Every structure is written in structure tokens, then in C-alpha cells.
């Protein structure tokens, strides 16, 4: 009886060791592929903002972190991807936050060219109301495309609002809070970029 118990324990222990070893081996074998896939997904999102023809550096690794809860929408460090061509700055893409959406944070990629013009804006995550607030998604509406080309002087500060508040940007029927939040976040990122342009591009990647 004792021998049988010992035998069962040994079999179970061996099975556990083998199972754990296989899991570890499988994870180590697939990890590089997972990392590569995540990098390609990120790069694809960044290339929607900054065309790959406009830069020649490794955009996913040329990164700087900044913290400014007032302008970047979060107390957490915000990643800024820096595009360069022939070693010269071209644009920066902020992984930023609009903190005052209708249902919480709206996560954004906001690209800004060196001259202060918006390269593009895309929403990466949100919890806004379906069929109302979700029109901030490019696949739902072309509204988010309307930021490209604008700057702090085009329009002036009073224009950086939805039309209901006296600005130039459309609001959504039944959902003004969502676009208002995004418009504010984009302008705040432009202000941060203007204030820290030199620091953004001159500090080393982290």
C-alpha cells in the first residue's frame, strides 16, 4: 500500500515537472513571436498617423516618456514616439489620454509635425456609448480625421471647441461630451508640444 502511494506521488510529481517544463518551453519559444507581433501592430497604428515614407528611424524604439497631468490627461508617464529622417526631427506621436469622456478615459494617438501641425489623431480605446460617442472611431465616422493639418494658430484658441461651444469642430447629435473631450485633448497636446518641442527631440530615448 505504501509503495503504491509513493508510486502515485512520484508519477504525479513527474507529470507536474514535465507539464511545467513544457509550458515554460512553449512560452520561451513563442515569446519572440508575440513581441514581434505586438511591435508590428504598434507600428501599423503609428504609420496611420505618420506615413512610413516620412521617417527612417525605428519609431517604436525612439521613445521618450513625459508626465503632465494637466496637458497629457494622466498622472502616468505618456509615451512619445519620435519620427526622424536622416537624423532630423520630423514628428512626434503622443500616446495620450482625454480624461473627461462621457464614460471615462479616451485613449488617443496624437501625431504632431515639427512645425506644430497635427499629423493625425486616432482613438485606441474608449468606453463611450455605442452609436453615439463611438463616432470618434475612424471606422465609425470620418470625424477624427478632421484634426489633420490644424495647429494652435489654425484655428485660434477660441476655435478649439465644438461648434456648440463656439468652435469649429462638429459635435455628435446626442453626444457632445465625447467630441468636446477629444478636441480639448488634442489642443492640450499641441500646447505641450509647443512648450517642450526641443526637449522632446533632444533627450535620449528611454
N, C-alpha and C. Protein backbone atom coordinates (compact mmCIF):
# COMPACT_ATOMS: atom_id res chain seq x y z
N UNK A 1 0.83 -1.20 0.00
CA UNK A 1 0.00 0.00 0.00
C UNK A 1 0.87 1.26 0.00
N UNK A 2 1.87 1.26 0.87
CA UNK A 2 2.77 2.41 0.95
C UNK A 2 3.51 2.59 -0.36
N UNK A 3 3.95 1.46 -0.96
CA UNK A 3 4.67 1.53 -2.23
C UNK A 3 3.79 2.11 -3.33
N UNK A 4 2.51 1.74 -3.30
CA UNK A 4 1.58 2.25 -4.31
C UNK A 4 1.40 3.76 -4.16
N UNK A 5 1.30 4.22 -2.92
CA UNK A 5 1.14 5.66 -2.67
C UNK A 5 2.38 6.42 -3.15
N UNK A 6 3.54 5.87 -2.81
CA UNK A 6 4.79 6.50 -3.24
C UNK A 6 4.86 6.55 -4.76
N UNK A 7 4.44 5.46 -5.40
CA UNK A 7 4.46 5.39 -6.86
C UNK A 7 3.56 6.46 -7.46
N UNK A 8 2.34 6.61 -6.88
CA UNK A 8 1.39 7.61 -7.38
C UNK A 8 1.96 9.02 -7.20
N UNK A 9 2.56 9.28 -6.04
CA UNK A 9 3.15 10.59 -5.77
C UNK A 9 4.26 10.89 -6.76
N UNK A 10 5.11 9.89 -7.02
CA UNK A 10 6.20 10.08 -7.97
C UNK A 10 5.69 10.37 -9.37
N UNK A 11 4.64 9.63 -9.77
CA UNK A 11 4.06 9.83 -11.10
C UNK A 11 3.48 11.24 -11.22
N UNK A 12 2.76 11.66 -10.19
CA UNK A 12 2.16 12.99 -10.20
C UNK A 12 3.23 14.08 -10.21
N UNK A 13 4.28 13.87 -9.42
CA UNK A 13 5.37 14.85 -9.37
C UNK A 13 6.06 14.97 -10.72
N UNK A 14 6.32 13.80 -11.33
CA UNK A 14 6.98 13.79 -12.63
C UNK A 14 6.10 14.47 -13.68
N UNK A 15 4.80 14.18 -13.61
CA UNK A 15 3.87 14.79 -14.57
C UNK A 15 3.85 16.30 -14.42
N UNK A 16 3.89 16.76 -13.16
CA UNK A 16 3.88 18.19 -12.90
C UNK A 16 5.13 18.86 -13.44
N UNK A 17 6.28 18.20 -13.19
CA UNK A 17 7.56 18.73 -13.66
C UNK A 17 7.58 18.82 -15.18
N UNK A 18 7.14 17.73 -15.83
CA UNK A 18 7.11 17.71 -17.29
C UNK A 18 6.16 18.75 -17.84
N UNK A 19 4.97 18.86 -17.21
CA UNK A 19 3.97 19.84 -17.66
C UNK A 19 4.49 21.26 -17.54
N UNK A 20 5.11 21.54 -16.39
CA UNK A 20 5.66 22.88 -16.17
C UNK A 20 6.77 23.18 -17.17
N UNK A 21 7.61 22.18 -17.40
CA UNK A 21 8.70 22.35 -18.35
C UNK A 21 8.19 22.65 -19.75
N UNK A 22 7.12 21.96 -20.16
CA UNK A 22 6.56 22.18 -21.48
C UNK A 22 5.95 23.57 -21.60
N UNK A 23 5.29 24.03 -20.54
CA UNK A 23 4.72 25.38 -20.55
C UNK A 23 5.81 26.43 -20.67
N UNK A 24 6.88 26.27 -19.87
CA UNK A 24 8.00 27.22 -19.92
C UNK A 24 8.66 27.21 -21.29
N UNK A 25 8.87 26.01 -21.83
CA UNK A 25 9.49 25.90 -23.15
C UNK A 25 8.61 26.55 -24.21
N UNK A 26 7.31 26.27 -24.15
CA UNK A 26 6.38 26.83 -25.12
C UNK A 26 6.36 28.35 -25.04
N UNK A 27 6.36 28.88 -23.82
CA UNK A 27 6.35 30.34 -23.63
C UNK A 27 7.62 30.97 -24.19
N UNK A 28 8.77 30.37 -23.86
CA UNK A 28 10.04 30.91 -24.33
C UNK A 28 10.15 30.82 -25.86
N UNK A 29 9.55 29.78 -26.43
CA UNK A 29 9.61 29.61 -27.88
C UNK A 29 8.71 30.62 -28.60
N UNK A 30 7.55 30.92 -28.01
CA UNK A 30 6.59 31.81 -28.67
C UNK A 30 6.79 33.28 -28.29
N UNK A 31 7.54 33.56 -27.22
CA UNK A 31 7.69 34.94 -26.76
C UNK A 31 8.24 35.87 -27.84
N UNK A 32 9.31 35.50 -28.54
CA UNK A 32 9.81 36.41 -29.59
C UNK A 32 8.75 36.72 -30.64
N UNK A 33 7.94 35.70 -30.98
CA UNK A 33 6.89 35.91 -31.97
C UNK A 33 5.82 36.86 -31.43
N UNK A 34 5.48 36.69 -30.17
CA UNK A 34 4.48 37.57 -29.55
C UNK A 34 4.98 39.02 -29.55
N UNK A 35 6.24 39.20 -29.15
CA UNK A 35 6.83 40.54 -29.12
C UNK A 35 6.86 41.15 -30.52
N UNK A 36 7.23 40.34 -31.51
CA UNK A 36 7.29 40.83 -32.89
C UNK A 36 5.90 41.23 -33.38
N UNK A 37 4.89 40.43 -33.05
CA UNK A 37 3.52 40.75 -33.48
C UNK A 37 3.02 42.03 -32.82
N UNK A 38 3.34 42.19 -31.53
CA UNK A 38 2.93 43.41 -30.83
C UNK A 38 3.61 44.63 -31.43
N UNK A 39 4.89 44.49 -31.78
CA UNK A 39 5.62 45.59 -32.39
C UNK A 39 5.02 45.97 -33.74
N UNK A 40 4.68 44.96 -34.55
CA UNK A 40 4.11 45.23 -35.86
C UNK A 40 2.74 45.89 -35.75
N UNK A 41 1.95 45.48 -34.74
CA UNK A 41 0.65 46.09 -34.53
C UNK A 41 0.80 47.55 -34.13
N UNK A 42 1.75 47.82 -33.23
CA UNK A 42 2.01 49.20 -32.82
C UNK A 42 2.50 50.02 -34.00
N UNK A 43 3.44 49.48 -34.76
CA UNK A 43 4.00 50.21 -35.90
C UNK A 43 2.92 50.51 -36.93
N UNK A 44 2.01 49.57 -37.14
CA UNK A 44 0.92 49.79 -38.07
C UNK A 44 0.04 50.95 -37.62
N UNK A 45 -0.22 51.03 -36.31
CA UNK A 45 -1.02 52.14 -35.78
C UNK A 45 -0.29 53.47 -35.92
N UNK A 46 1.01 53.46 -35.66
CA UNK A 46 1.79 54.69 -35.77
C UNK A 46 1.89 55.16 -37.22
N UNK A 47 1.95 54.20 -38.15
CA UNK A 47 2.07 54.56 -39.56
C UNK A 47 0.77 55.14 -40.12
N UNK A 48 -0.32 54.93 -39.44
CA UNK A 48 -1.55 55.60 -39.83
C UNK A 48 -1.45 57.09 -39.53
N UNK A 49 -0.68 57.42 -38.49
CA UNK A 49 -0.51 58.82 -38.09
C UNK A 49 0.62 59.48 -38.87
N UNK A 50 1.78 58.80 -38.93
CA UNK A 50 2.95 59.31 -39.65
C UNK A 50 3.30 58.32 -40.75
N UNK A 51 3.14 58.72 -41.98
CA UNK A 51 3.42 57.83 -43.10
C UNK A 51 4.88 57.36 -43.04
N UNK A 52 5.07 56.08 -43.28
CA UNK A 52 6.41 55.49 -43.15
C UNK A 52 7.41 56.09 -44.14
N UNK A 53 6.91 56.75 -45.18
CA UNK A 53 7.81 57.41 -46.13
C UNK A 53 8.42 58.69 -45.54
N UNK A 54 7.86 59.16 -44.43
CA UNK A 54 8.31 60.43 -43.85
C UNK A 54 9.41 60.27 -42.81
N UNK A 55 9.77 59.04 -42.46
CA UNK A 55 10.81 58.84 -41.45
C UNK A 55 11.63 57.60 -41.79
N UNK A 56 12.84 57.50 -41.21
CA UNK A 56 13.68 56.34 -41.48
C UNK A 56 14.29 55.74 -40.21
N UNK A 57 13.87 56.21 -39.04
CA UNK A 57 14.37 55.63 -37.79
C UNK A 57 13.43 54.54 -37.30
N UNK A 58 13.82 53.85 -36.24
CA UNK A 58 12.98 52.82 -35.62
C UNK A 58 12.00 53.52 -34.69
N UNK A 59 10.83 53.80 -35.20
CA UNK A 59 9.85 54.61 -34.47
C UNK A 59 9.44 53.99 -33.15
N UNK A 60 9.37 52.66 -33.10
CA UNK A 60 8.90 52.00 -31.88
C UNK A 60 9.94 52.01 -30.76
N UNK A 61 11.21 52.29 -31.11
CA UNK A 61 12.26 52.31 -30.09
C UNK A 61 12.77 53.71 -29.78
N UNK A 62 12.42 54.67 -30.60
CA UNK A 62 12.84 56.06 -30.35
C UNK A 62 11.74 56.73 -29.54
N UNK A 63 11.77 56.47 -28.25
CA UNK A 63 10.65 56.84 -27.38
C UNK A 63 11.12 57.66 -26.19
N UNK A 64 10.32 58.60 -25.79
CA UNK A 64 10.56 59.40 -24.59
C UNK A 64 9.28 59.40 -23.76
N UNK A 65 9.41 59.45 -22.44
CA UNK A 65 8.26 59.49 -21.54
C UNK A 65 8.14 60.86 -20.89
N UNK A 66 6.91 61.35 -20.82
CA UNK A 66 6.66 62.64 -20.18
C UNK A 66 5.47 62.51 -19.24
N UNK A 67 5.49 63.33 -18.20
CA UNK A 67 4.37 63.38 -17.26
C UNK A 67 3.87 64.82 -17.16
N UNK A 68 2.60 65.02 -17.44
CA UNK A 68 1.96 66.32 -17.28
C UNK A 68 0.46 66.07 -17.23
N UNK A 69 -0.07 65.92 -16.04
CA UNK A 69 -1.47 65.54 -15.90
C UNK A 69 -2.42 66.59 -16.46
N UNK A 70 -2.03 67.83 -16.45
CA UNK A 70 -2.90 68.89 -16.96
C UNK A 70 -3.03 68.85 -18.47
N UNK A 71 -1.92 68.65 -19.18
CA UNK A 71 -1.95 68.71 -20.64
C UNK A 71 -2.02 67.33 -21.31
N UNK A 72 -1.49 66.31 -20.66
CA UNK A 72 -1.47 64.99 -21.28
C UNK A 72 -2.55 64.06 -20.73
N UNK A 73 -3.32 64.55 -19.75
CA UNK A 73 -4.53 63.86 -19.33
C UNK A 73 -4.37 62.73 -18.35
N UNK A 74 -3.15 62.49 -17.82
CA UNK A 74 -2.96 61.39 -16.89
C UNK A 74 -1.74 61.66 -16.01
N UNK A 75 -1.75 61.09 -14.82
CA UNK A 75 -0.60 61.20 -13.93
C UNK A 75 0.47 60.17 -14.27
N UNK A 76 0.14 59.24 -15.16
CA UNK A 76 1.10 58.22 -15.59
C UNK A 76 2.00 58.77 -16.70
N UNK A 77 3.21 58.24 -16.83
CA UNK A 77 4.07 58.67 -17.94
C UNK A 77 3.42 58.38 -19.29
N UNK A 78 3.49 59.36 -20.16
CA UNK A 78 2.94 59.22 -21.51
C UNK A 78 4.08 58.96 -22.49
N UNK A 79 3.93 57.95 -23.32
CA UNK A 79 4.96 57.60 -24.29
C UNK A 79 4.84 58.53 -25.49
N UNK A 80 5.98 59.03 -25.92
CA UNK A 80 6.04 59.88 -27.11
C UNK A 80 7.01 59.22 -28.09
N UNK A 81 6.48 58.80 -29.23
CA UNK A 81 7.29 58.18 -30.28
C UNK A 81 7.80 59.27 -31.21
N UNK A 82 9.10 59.23 -31.51
CA UNK A 82 9.72 60.32 -32.25
C UNK A 82 10.16 59.86 -33.63
N UNK A 83 9.63 60.53 -34.66
CA UNK A 83 9.97 60.20 -36.04
C UNK A 83 11.07 61.13 -36.53
N UNK A 84 12.08 60.53 -37.18
CA UNK A 84 13.21 61.30 -37.71
C UNK A 84 13.52 60.82 -39.13
N UNK A 85 14.10 61.70 -39.92
CA UNK A 85 14.59 61.31 -41.23
C UNK A 85 15.97 61.91 -41.42
N UNK A 86 16.92 61.05 -41.76
CA UNK A 86 18.32 61.47 -41.87
C UNK A 86 18.80 62.14 -40.59
N UNK A 87 18.31 61.66 -39.46
CA UNK A 87 18.71 62.17 -38.16
C UNK A 87 18.00 63.44 -37.73
N UNK A 88 17.14 63.99 -38.59
CA UNK A 88 16.45 65.24 -38.28
C UNK A 88 15.02 64.97 -37.81
N UNK A 89 14.55 65.71 -36.79
CA UNK A 89 13.20 65.50 -36.28
C UNK A 89 12.14 65.76 -37.35
N UNK A 90 11.14 64.91 -37.37
CA UNK A 90 10.03 65.05 -38.31
C UNK A 90 8.71 65.26 -37.58
N UNK A 91 8.45 64.42 -36.58
CA UNK A 91 7.17 64.47 -35.89
C UNK A 91 7.26 63.68 -34.59
N UNK A 92 6.27 63.89 -33.74
CA UNK A 92 6.15 63.12 -32.50
C UNK A 92 4.72 62.60 -32.40
N UNK A 93 4.58 61.38 -31.89
CA UNK A 93 3.25 60.79 -31.71
C UNK A 93 3.06 60.52 -30.22
N UNK A 94 2.06 61.16 -29.64
CA UNK A 94 1.76 61.03 -28.22
C UNK A 94 0.74 59.91 -27.99
N UNK A 95 1.06 59.03 -27.06
CA UNK A 95 0.10 58.03 -26.61
C UNK A 95 -0.64 58.63 -25.42
N UNK A 96 -1.60 59.50 -25.73
CA UNK A 96 -2.16 60.40 -24.73
C UNK A 96 -3.55 59.98 -24.28
N UNK A 97 -4.15 60.80 -23.41
CA UNK A 97 -5.45 60.48 -22.81
C UNK A 97 -6.34 61.72 -22.78
N UNK A 98 -7.58 61.52 -23.18
CA UNK A 98 -8.62 62.52 -22.93
C UNK A 98 -9.37 62.03 -21.70
N UNK A 99 -9.17 62.64 -20.54
CA UNK A 99 -9.66 62.06 -19.29
C UNK A 99 -11.13 62.30 -19.00
N UNK A 100 -11.76 63.16 -19.76
CA UNK A 100 -13.13 63.56 -19.41
C UNK A 100 -14.15 63.18 -20.46
N UNK A 101 -14.01 61.96 -20.99
CA UNK A 101 -15.03 61.43 -21.88
C UNK A 101 -16.32 61.16 -21.11
N UNK A 102 -17.37 60.86 -21.80
CA UNK A 102 -18.67 60.64 -21.15
C UNK A 102 -18.62 59.45 -20.20
N UNK A 103 -17.91 58.40 -20.60
CA UNK A 103 -17.83 57.20 -19.77
C UNK A 103 -16.42 56.92 -19.27
N UNK A 104 -15.57 57.95 -19.25
CA UNK A 104 -14.23 57.75 -18.72
C UNK A 104 -13.15 58.13 -19.71
N UNK A 105 -11.97 57.57 -19.51
CA UNK A 105 -10.82 57.92 -20.33
C UNK A 105 -11.01 57.51 -21.79
N UNK A 106 -10.54 58.39 -22.68
CA UNK A 106 -10.46 58.08 -24.10
C UNK A 106 -8.97 58.09 -24.45
N UNK A 107 -8.45 56.97 -24.94
CA UNK A 107 -7.03 56.85 -25.23
C UNK A 107 -6.77 57.18 -26.69
N UNK A 108 -5.74 57.99 -26.92
CA UNK A 108 -5.51 58.56 -28.24
C UNK A 108 -4.06 58.43 -28.68
N UNK A 109 -3.87 58.33 -29.97
CA UNK A 109 -2.57 58.57 -30.59
C UNK A 109 -2.70 59.92 -31.30
N UNK A 110 -1.85 60.87 -30.91
CA UNK A 110 -1.89 62.22 -31.47
C UNK A 110 -0.54 62.53 -32.08
N UNK A 111 -0.50 62.66 -33.39
CA UNK A 111 0.75 62.96 -34.08
C UNK A 111 0.86 64.44 -34.38
N UNK A 112 2.05 64.99 -34.14
CA UNK A 112 2.29 66.43 -34.36
C UNK A 112 3.60 66.59 -35.13
N UNK A 113 3.53 67.27 -36.28
CA UNK A 113 4.74 67.54 -37.04
C UNK A 113 5.62 68.56 -36.32
N UNK A 114 6.86 68.61 -36.73
CA UNK A 114 7.83 69.51 -36.10
C UNK A 114 7.35 70.97 -36.12
N UNK A 115 6.63 71.36 -37.17
CA UNK A 115 6.17 72.74 -37.28
C UNK A 115 4.91 73.03 -36.47
N UNK A 116 4.42 72.01 -35.72
CA UNK A 116 3.27 72.24 -34.85
C UNK A 116 1.92 71.91 -35.46
N UNK A 117 1.90 71.37 -36.67
CA UNK A 117 0.64 70.96 -37.27
C UNK A 117 0.29 69.54 -36.83
N UNK A 118 -0.99 69.28 -36.72
CA UNK A 118 -1.45 67.93 -36.37
C UNK A 118 -1.25 67.01 -37.57
N UNK A 119 -0.52 65.93 -37.36
CA UNK A 119 -0.31 64.94 -38.42
C UNK A 119 -1.52 64.01 -38.52
N UNK A 120 -2.12 63.73 -37.39
CA UNK A 120 -3.29 62.85 -37.37
C UNK A 120 -3.65 62.47 -35.95
N UNK A 121 -4.86 62.02 -35.78
CA UNK A 121 -5.35 61.59 -34.46
C UNK A 121 -6.15 60.30 -34.66
N UNK A 122 -5.95 59.34 -33.78
CA UNK A 122 -6.76 58.13 -33.78
C UNK A 122 -7.07 57.73 -32.34
N UNK A 123 -8.23 57.13 -32.16
CA UNK A 123 -8.64 56.61 -30.86
C UNK A 123 -8.18 55.16 -30.77
N UNK A 124 -7.52 54.83 -29.67
CA UNK A 124 -7.05 53.45 -29.49
C UNK A 124 -7.93 52.65 -28.54
N UNK A 125 -8.61 53.34 -27.63
CA UNK A 125 -9.51 52.65 -26.69
C UNK A 125 -10.46 53.66 -26.05
N UNK A 126 -11.67 53.21 -25.77
CA UNK A 126 -12.64 54.09 -25.10
C UNK A 126 -13.80 53.25 -24.60
N UNK A 127 -14.68 53.86 -23.82
CA UNK A 127 -15.88 53.20 -23.34
C UNK A 127 -17.11 54.07 -23.62
N UNK A 128 -17.04 54.86 -24.67
CA UNK A 128 -18.15 55.75 -24.99
C UNK A 128 -19.35 54.97 -25.53
N UNK A 129 -20.51 55.61 -25.50
CA UNK A 129 -21.77 54.95 -25.84
C UNK A 129 -21.81 54.51 -27.30
N UNK A 130 -22.10 53.24 -27.55
CA UNK A 130 -22.21 52.76 -28.93
C UNK A 130 -23.27 53.54 -29.72
N UNK A 131 -22.96 53.82 -30.97
CA UNK A 131 -23.85 54.53 -31.90
C UNK A 131 -23.98 56.02 -31.58
N UNK A 132 -23.30 56.47 -30.53
CA UNK A 132 -23.29 57.90 -30.21
C UNK A 132 -21.84 58.36 -30.08
N UNK A 133 -21.25 58.12 -28.92
CA UNK A 133 -19.88 58.55 -28.66
C UNK A 133 -18.84 57.79 -29.45
N UNK A 134 -19.18 56.59 -29.93
CA UNK A 134 -18.17 55.81 -30.64
C UNK A 134 -17.88 56.35 -32.05
N UNK A 135 -18.53 57.44 -32.42
CA UNK A 135 -18.23 58.07 -33.71
C UNK A 135 -16.84 58.72 -33.73
N UNK A 136 -16.17 58.72 -32.59
CA UNK A 136 -14.78 59.18 -32.57
C UNK A 136 -13.86 58.15 -33.22
N UNK A 137 -14.33 56.92 -33.44
CA UNK A 137 -13.53 55.90 -34.10
C UNK A 137 -13.54 56.15 -35.61
N UNK A 138 -12.38 56.01 -36.23
CA UNK A 138 -12.27 56.25 -37.67
C UNK A 138 -13.14 55.29 -38.47
N UNK A 139 -13.35 54.08 -37.96
CA UNK A 139 -14.15 53.10 -38.68
C UNK A 139 -15.65 53.39 -38.57
N UNK A 140 -16.02 54.26 -37.63
CA UNK A 140 -17.43 54.62 -37.45
C UNK A 140 -17.80 55.93 -38.14
N UNK A 141 -16.82 56.82 -38.24
CA UNK A 141 -17.10 58.16 -38.75
C UNK A 141 -15.78 58.81 -39.17
N UNK A 142 -15.80 59.70 -40.17
CA UNK A 142 -14.58 60.41 -40.55
C UNK A 142 -14.26 61.60 -39.64
N UNK A 143 -15.03 61.78 -38.58
CA UNK A 143 -14.87 62.96 -37.72
C UNK A 143 -13.45 63.13 -37.21
N UNK A 144 -12.81 62.04 -36.76
CA UNK A 144 -11.48 62.13 -36.15
C UNK A 144 -10.43 62.56 -37.17
N UNK A 145 -10.72 62.41 -38.46
CA UNK A 145 -9.77 62.80 -39.50
C UNK A 145 -9.67 64.31 -39.64
N UNK A 146 -10.64 65.02 -39.09
CA UNK A 146 -10.71 66.47 -39.27
C UNK A 146 -9.66 67.27 -38.52
N UNK A 147 -8.87 66.63 -37.66
CA UNK A 147 -7.83 67.36 -36.92
C UNK A 147 -6.56 67.57 -37.75
N UNK A 148 -6.34 66.73 -38.74
CA UNK A 148 -5.10 66.79 -39.52
C UNK A 148 -4.93 68.16 -40.16
N UNK A 149 -3.73 68.71 -40.00
CA UNK A 149 -3.40 69.99 -40.60
C UNK A 149 -3.64 71.19 -39.71
N UNK A 150 -4.40 71.01 -38.66
CA UNK A 150 -4.67 72.13 -37.74
C UNK A 150 -3.49 72.35 -36.80
N UNK A 151 -3.44 73.53 -36.19
CA UNK A 151 -2.37 73.89 -35.26
C UNK A 151 -2.93 74.83 -34.21
N UNK A 152 -2.06 75.33 -33.33
CA UNK A 152 -2.51 76.25 -32.29
C UNK A 152 -2.96 77.60 -32.88
N UNK A 153 -2.54 77.89 -34.08
CA UNK A 153 -2.95 79.15 -34.72
C UNK A 153 -3.99 78.94 -35.82
N UNK A 154 -4.35 77.69 -36.06
CA UNK A 154 -5.34 77.37 -37.09
C UNK A 154 -6.20 76.21 -36.60
N UNK A 155 -7.28 76.48 -35.86
CA UNK A 155 -7.79 77.82 -35.54
C UNK A 155 -7.10 78.41 -34.31
N UNK A 156 -7.47 79.64 -34.00
CA UNK A 156 -7.01 80.25 -32.75
C UNK A 156 -7.70 79.56 -31.57
N UNK A 157 -7.30 79.92 -30.36
CA UNK A 157 -7.79 79.21 -29.17
C UNK A 157 -9.30 79.11 -29.11
N UNK A 158 -10.00 80.18 -29.47
CA UNK A 158 -11.46 80.16 -29.39
C UNK A 158 -12.09 79.16 -30.35
N UNK A 159 -11.35 78.79 -31.39
CA UNK A 159 -11.88 77.83 -32.35
C UNK A 159 -11.69 76.39 -31.95
N UNK A 160 -10.84 76.15 -30.94
CA UNK A 160 -10.58 74.78 -30.50
C UNK A 160 -11.67 74.31 -29.54
N UNK A 161 -12.88 74.26 -30.07
CA UNK A 161 -14.05 73.80 -29.33
C UNK A 161 -15.02 73.21 -30.33
N UNK A 162 -16.01 72.49 -29.84
CA UNK A 162 -17.06 72.03 -30.74
C UNK A 162 -17.94 73.22 -31.10
N UNK A 163 -18.67 73.11 -32.17
CA UNK A 163 -19.48 74.23 -32.67
C UNK A 163 -20.51 74.71 -31.64
N UNK A 164 -21.01 73.80 -30.84
CA UNK A 164 -21.98 74.16 -29.82
C UNK A 164 -21.39 75.14 -28.82
N UNK A 165 -20.07 75.07 -28.63
CA UNK A 165 -19.37 75.95 -27.69
C UNK A 165 -18.70 77.13 -28.40
N UNK A 166 -18.97 77.29 -29.69
CA UNK A 166 -18.41 78.42 -30.42
C UNK A 166 -17.16 78.10 -31.23
N UNK A 167 -16.79 76.82 -31.31
CA UNK A 167 -15.59 76.42 -32.06
C UNK A 167 -15.91 75.97 -33.47
N UNK A 168 -14.92 75.31 -34.10
CA UNK A 168 -15.08 74.90 -35.50
C UNK A 168 -15.33 73.41 -35.68
N UNK A 169 -15.24 72.63 -34.61
CA UNK A 169 -15.35 71.19 -34.74
C UNK A 169 -16.78 70.71 -34.48
N UNK A 170 -17.24 69.80 -35.33
CA UNK A 170 -18.59 69.27 -35.19
C UNK A 170 -18.75 68.49 -33.89
N UNK A 171 -19.96 68.53 -33.35
CA UNK A 171 -20.30 67.63 -32.26
C UNK A 171 -21.21 66.54 -32.81
N UNK A 172 -21.50 65.55 -32.00
CA UNK A 172 -22.39 64.47 -32.43
C UNK A 172 -23.78 64.72 -31.86
N UNK A 173 -24.79 64.41 -32.61
CA UNK A 173 -26.16 64.53 -32.12
C UNK A 173 -26.36 63.62 -30.92
N UNK A 174 -26.68 64.20 -29.80
CA UNK A 174 -26.92 63.42 -28.58
C UNK A 174 -25.66 63.04 -27.83
N UNK A 175 -24.51 63.52 -28.29
CA UNK A 175 -23.26 63.14 -27.62
C UNK A 175 -22.22 64.24 -27.81
N UNK A 176 -22.39 65.32 -27.07
CA UNK A 176 -21.46 66.45 -27.20
C UNK A 176 -20.23 66.27 -26.32
N UNK A 177 -20.38 65.62 -25.19
CA UNK A 177 -19.29 65.50 -24.23
C UNK A 177 -18.09 64.77 -24.84
N UNK A 178 -18.35 63.72 -25.59
CA UNK A 178 -17.26 62.91 -26.17
C UNK A 178 -16.38 63.71 -27.12
N UNK A 179 -16.94 64.34 -28.17
CA UNK A 179 -16.07 65.12 -29.06
C UNK A 179 -15.44 66.32 -28.38
N UNK A 180 -16.15 66.91 -27.43
CA UNK A 180 -15.60 68.04 -26.68
C UNK A 180 -14.33 67.61 -25.95
N UNK A 181 -14.35 66.42 -25.37
CA UNK A 181 -13.20 65.89 -24.65
C UNK A 181 -12.01 65.66 -25.57
N UNK A 182 -12.27 65.11 -26.75
CA UNK A 182 -11.19 64.83 -27.70
C UNK A 182 -10.59 66.12 -28.23
N UNK A 183 -11.43 67.08 -28.59
CA UNK A 183 -10.94 68.37 -29.09
C UNK A 183 -10.02 69.02 -28.05
N UNK A 184 -10.44 69.01 -26.81
CA UNK A 184 -9.64 69.60 -25.74
C UNK A 184 -8.30 68.87 -25.59
N UNK A 185 -8.34 67.55 -25.67
CA UNK A 185 -7.11 66.77 -25.51
C UNK A 185 -6.12 67.05 -26.65
N UNK A 186 -6.62 67.15 -27.86
CA UNK A 186 -5.73 67.41 -28.99
C UNK A 186 -5.07 68.77 -28.83
N UNK A 187 -5.85 69.78 -28.48
CA UNK A 187 -5.26 71.11 -28.28
C UNK A 187 -4.25 71.10 -27.14
N UNK A 188 -4.57 70.42 -26.04
CA UNK A 188 -3.64 70.36 -24.91
C UNK A 188 -2.32 69.71 -25.31
N UNK A 189 -2.38 68.69 -26.16
CA UNK A 189 -1.15 68.06 -26.64
C UNK A 189 -0.35 69.01 -27.52
N UNK A 190 -1.03 69.82 -28.32
CA UNK A 190 -0.34 70.83 -29.12
C UNK A 190 0.36 71.85 -28.24
N UNK A 191 -0.30 72.24 -27.15
CA UNK A 191 0.31 73.19 -26.21
C UNK A 191 1.55 72.57 -25.58
N UNK A 192 1.43 71.30 -25.15
CA UNK A 192 2.58 70.62 -24.55
C UNK A 192 3.72 70.53 -25.56
N UNK A 193 3.41 70.19 -26.79
CA UNK A 193 4.43 70.07 -27.82
C UNK A 193 5.13 71.41 -28.04
N UNK A 194 4.37 72.48 -28.10
CA UNK A 194 4.96 73.81 -28.28
C UNK A 194 5.89 74.16 -27.13
N UNK A 195 5.49 73.82 -25.91
CA UNK A 195 6.28 74.16 -24.73
C UNK A 195 7.52 73.29 -24.58
N UNK A 196 7.50 72.08 -25.12
CA UNK A 196 8.59 71.12 -24.88
C UNK A 196 9.20 70.58 -26.16
N UNK A 197 9.00 71.25 -27.27
CA UNK A 197 9.47 70.74 -28.56
C UNK A 197 10.95 70.33 -28.53
N UNK A 198 11.80 71.21 -28.02
CA UNK A 198 13.23 70.93 -28.00
C UNK A 198 13.54 69.74 -27.10
N UNK A 199 12.93 69.69 -25.94
CA UNK A 199 13.15 68.59 -25.01
C UNK A 199 12.67 67.27 -25.60
N UNK A 200 11.56 67.29 -26.30
CA UNK A 200 11.00 66.07 -26.88
C UNK A 200 12.00 65.41 -27.81
N UNK A 201 12.67 66.19 -28.64
CA UNK A 201 13.54 65.62 -29.67
C UNK A 201 15.00 65.51 -29.27
N UNK A 202 15.44 66.27 -28.27
CA UNK A 202 16.86 66.27 -27.95
C UNK A 202 17.23 65.28 -26.86
N UNK A 203 16.32 64.90 -26.01
CA UNK A 203 16.63 63.95 -24.96
C UNK A 203 16.78 62.56 -25.54
N UNK A 204 17.61 61.70 -24.94
CA UNK A 204 17.81 60.35 -25.48
C UNK A 204 16.58 59.48 -25.29
N UNK A 205 16.46 58.46 -26.11
CA UNK A 205 15.37 57.51 -25.97
C UNK A 205 15.47 56.77 -24.65
N UNK A 206 14.33 56.41 -24.10
CA UNK A 206 14.30 55.69 -22.83
C UNK A 206 13.74 54.28 -23.06
